[in-house]
């Protein structure tokens, strides 16, 4: 974690872009396409890194659970699925 003594200066370019110093990017794991919540308050600007879900990773995790349940209980027919969904 950085201390107040580790302050860096960033300069805004003509197009409104600000370069985050490399040491801070590395420390926070920031890269191209990183997304931020941007908050302006009085004379301060706050950037909060947004964690974007890895949809492929989440899908693979769901698929593993489904595959395990199919092995354990067998596959459901379309009618059984409809009965579960619609009650």
Protein backbone atom coordinates (compact mmCIF):
# COMPACT_ATOMS: atom_id res chain seq x y z
CA UNK A 1 0.00 0.00 0.00
CA UNK A 2 1.27 3.44 -0.87
CA UNK A 3 1.98 6.20 1.66
CA UNK A 4 1.13 9.87 1.28
CA UNK A 5 4.86 10.43 0.64
CA UNK A 6 4.51 8.36 -2.53
CA UNK A 7 2.43 11.02 -4.29
CA UNK A 8 2.65 11.11 -8.08
CA UNK A 9 1.63 13.86 -10.49
CA UNK A 10 -0.41 13.19 -13.61
CA UNK A 11 -1.06 15.70 -16.38
CA UNK A 12 -4.25 15.88 -18.42
CA UNK A 13 -3.74 16.10 -22.18
CA UNK A 14 -5.74 18.13 -24.68
CA UNK A 15 -8.29 15.33 -25.14
CA UNK A 16 -8.91 15.00 -21.39
CA UNK A 17 -6.79 11.86 -20.99
CA UNK A 18 -4.79 11.32 -17.82
CA UNK A 19 -1.93 8.82 -17.69
CA UNK A 20 -1.85 6.86 -14.45
CA UNK A 21 1.81 6.42 -13.40
CA UNK A 22 3.22 2.97 -14.24
CA UNK A 23 4.08 2.09 -10.63
CA UNK A 24 0.46 2.65 -9.61
CA UNK A 25 -0.87 0.73 -12.65
CA UNK A 26 1.37 -2.21 -11.78
CA UNK A 27 0.45 -2.10 -8.08
CA UNK A 28 -3.29 -2.11 -8.86
CA UNK A 29 -3.12 -4.56 -11.76
CA UNK A 30 -4.41 -2.01 -14.28
CA UNK A 31 -4.08 -2.55 -18.00
CA UNK A 32 -5.63 -1.49 -21.28
CA UNK A 33 -9.44 -1.49 -21.14
CA UNK A 34 -9.49 -1.31 -17.30
CA UNK A 35 -12.77 0.30 -16.24
CA UNK A 36 -13.28 2.86 -13.50
CA UNK A 37 -16.07 4.51 -11.62
CA UNK A 38 -15.26 8.26 -11.81
CA UNK A 39 -16.42 10.60 -9.06
CA UNK A 40 -15.82 14.34 -9.00
CA UNK A 41 -16.35 16.08 -5.67
CA UNK A 42 -15.41 19.70 -5.01
CA UNK A 43 -11.75 19.89 -6.08
CA UNK A 44 -11.11 16.12 -6.00
CA UNK A 45 -11.32 13.39 -8.61
CA UNK A 46 -11.67 9.79 -7.45
CA UNK A 47 -11.16 6.77 -9.69
CA UNK A 48 -12.44 3.42 -8.38
CA UNK A 49 -11.34 0.32 -10.29
CA UNK A 50 -14.32 -1.74 -11.41
CA UNK A 51 -13.97 -5.48 -11.32
CA UNK A 52 -15.53 -6.87 -14.47
CA UNK A 53 -16.70 -10.45 -14.29
CA UNK A 54 -14.92 -13.02 -16.39
CA UNK A 55 -18.01 -14.45 -18.08
CA UNK A 56 -16.16 -17.35 -19.71
CA UNK A 57 -14.77 -18.40 -16.32
CA UNK A 58 -18.20 -18.11 -14.68
CA UNK A 59 -19.82 -20.10 -17.51
CA UNK A 60 -17.22 -22.88 -17.17
CA UNK A 61 -17.88 -23.06 -13.40
CA UNK A 62 -21.65 -23.33 -13.97
CA UNK A 63 -21.11 -25.95 -16.67
CA UNK A 64 -18.95 -28.06 -14.32
CA UNK A 65 -21.68 -28.04 -11.66
CA UNK A 66 -24.34 -29.01 -14.21
CA UNK A 67 -22.15 -31.79 -15.63
CA UNK A 68 -21.54 -33.17 -12.11
CA UNK A 69 -25.26 -33.19 -11.35
CA UNK A 70 -26.04 -34.90 -14.66
CA UNK A 71 -23.51 -37.62 -13.80
CA UNK A 72 -25.04 -38.05 -10.36
CA UNK A 73 -28.76 -37.82 -11.19
CA UNK A 74 -29.00 -38.35 -14.94
CA UNK A 75 -30.36 -36.01 -17.58
CA UNK A 76 -33.80 -34.43 -17.38
CA UNK A 77 -36.27 -34.55 -20.23
CA UNK A 78 -37.72 -31.35 -21.69
CA UNK A 79 -40.98 -32.15 -19.92
CA UNK A 80 -39.25 -32.56 -16.54
CA UNK A 81 -37.43 -29.25 -17.03
CA UNK A 82 -40.69 -27.49 -17.97
CA UNK A 83 -42.41 -28.96 -14.90
CA UNK A 84 -39.61 -27.69 -12.64
CA UNK A 85 -39.59 -24.23 -14.22
CA UNK A 86 -43.35 -23.73 -14.41
CA UNK A 87 -44.33 -25.67 -11.30
